[in-house]
Amino acid sequence: MESKPKGAFNVQAFLGSSGVARRIVEFRRSDVIFGQGDACDSVLYIHRGGVRLSVVSKGGREAIVAMLGPGDFFGEGCLAGVSVHTGSATAITSSTILLVEKDQMVRMLHSQHALSDRFIAHLLARNIRIEADLTDQLFNYSEKRLARTLLLLAGYGKVDAPVTAVPPMSQGTLAEIVGTTRSRVNFFMRKFQRLGFIDYTDGLKVNRSLLSIVLHD
């Protein structure tokens, strides 16, 4: 059995750290973890499940900002002085979330180098993802954007081993993420299934062959 490198981030140790001001909370699918305008005073870590981040405009229009999975942090704005959440976080499947109070998180980042490295890597990856999402919206057509979204939701591109199952979500939600209509998503999903890129046998499974859509010019 391969051992972890010395100093590597240990998720179980992080979850079970004694003397740490933190809570482990279980959320069911569609539960609101925090709402837009709620106090922003903790950093959250996804141990299991998935989370949708969204923002509602003054006119009542909702936009999905990000879809997160196991190993992702969110709510980190509190570390930069943000006092209220600018958007909402909702569980997209049954999820286990670790909440660490702001002051405690600051102390842990200074004292636990493995956690600090993991957190910095998360922030860098998030920035790269935001830039890629913007480029995707500006230059790619909806079929390629949908393929890229499915691959990201399935965990492809992460350092850890990819997870091919996509958390349950409606085609309407996928349409919001991609920036197209539900009918277009339905059309492309049927096409992907026909070509063997996705499989509905046991939930929605994404095959690596879907990369051919993303890489094709």
Foldseek 3Di string as FASTA:
>chain_A
DDDDPPLADDPVCVVVPPPFPKDKDKDAAFDWPDAAFAFLFWKKAWQAAKKWKWAADPVGDIATDDIDGHLAIDSCVVLVVDTTHRTTMGTRHTTIMMIGGNVRVVVCLVVRVNVVVSNVVNVVVVVVVNVVLVCCLVPPDLLLLLLVVQCVQQAPPDPDDTHFAHRDDQLCVSCSSSVHHSVVSVVSVVVCVVVVQWDPPPHIGGDPVSVCSNPPD
